[in-house]
């Protein structure tokens, strides 16, 4: 029985692969037609049908065209099985990455709620979640374990942690807005917000908050790892906190002097 042959167009219709893709597969040596007509046009037969099924299956599994080509021409026993195992490992890793991204987005949506948050702050939140483990490892080199636990609020019930994180996000949003509206770090409106943040963090990380905070402020941080917001906003917030901390230290010293007098 004479083998049935298909033109490029007919083979494309039969397999669901575009003519352009078939021509590309031919050029790269992945699927070369076994026949040509008298005019030199490509013709595909049963061998190509079997081969395109393999190609489409491996492509469905996420293999690259280079990997597919190697799998089809490799004569080594269990080559395809090895490829499938490698592909499974890669897909499992990708699945974990996708799950982590989804969890990150879910967390940001939960923290932000219905509040309007600009793109910079939104991306900063995602970035901080994405690099949380790297931050934890880096800070552990410089600070006590208990302090690092408190920085990441690991000692708090989940609901309280979410509430505090939402409050801090709202505080940062206010600082961004004040900066955008031309306020200066020393202005009363700015200091009201930074004092509020300082009080929240003081409650969170007491009793050694001031000592650890001074270390945190002075340590040589990695600019890339800890860069969440645009540089001008970061500098604005940093200057505002310097003023807040200085005032807090003066107040503490005054209280200490008053206590000695009494």
Foldseek 3Di string as FASTA:
>chain_A
DDWDKDFLVRVCVVPVNDSVVVVVCCVVVQQPAPDADPVRGGIHTPVSVVSVVQVVVVVVLVDDSVLSSCLVPDPDPCSVVVVSVVSVVVVVVVVVVVVQLVVQVVLLCLLCPPPDDDPLLSQLSSLCSVCVVVVLVVVVVPDDPLQSCLVQPVVDDPVVSSVLSSLVSVLLRQLVVCVVVPDALPDPSNLVSLLVVVVSSPVSRPDCSLVVVVSVLPDDDDCVSPPRGPPVSVVRSNVSNVVNSVVVVVVVVVVVVVVVVD
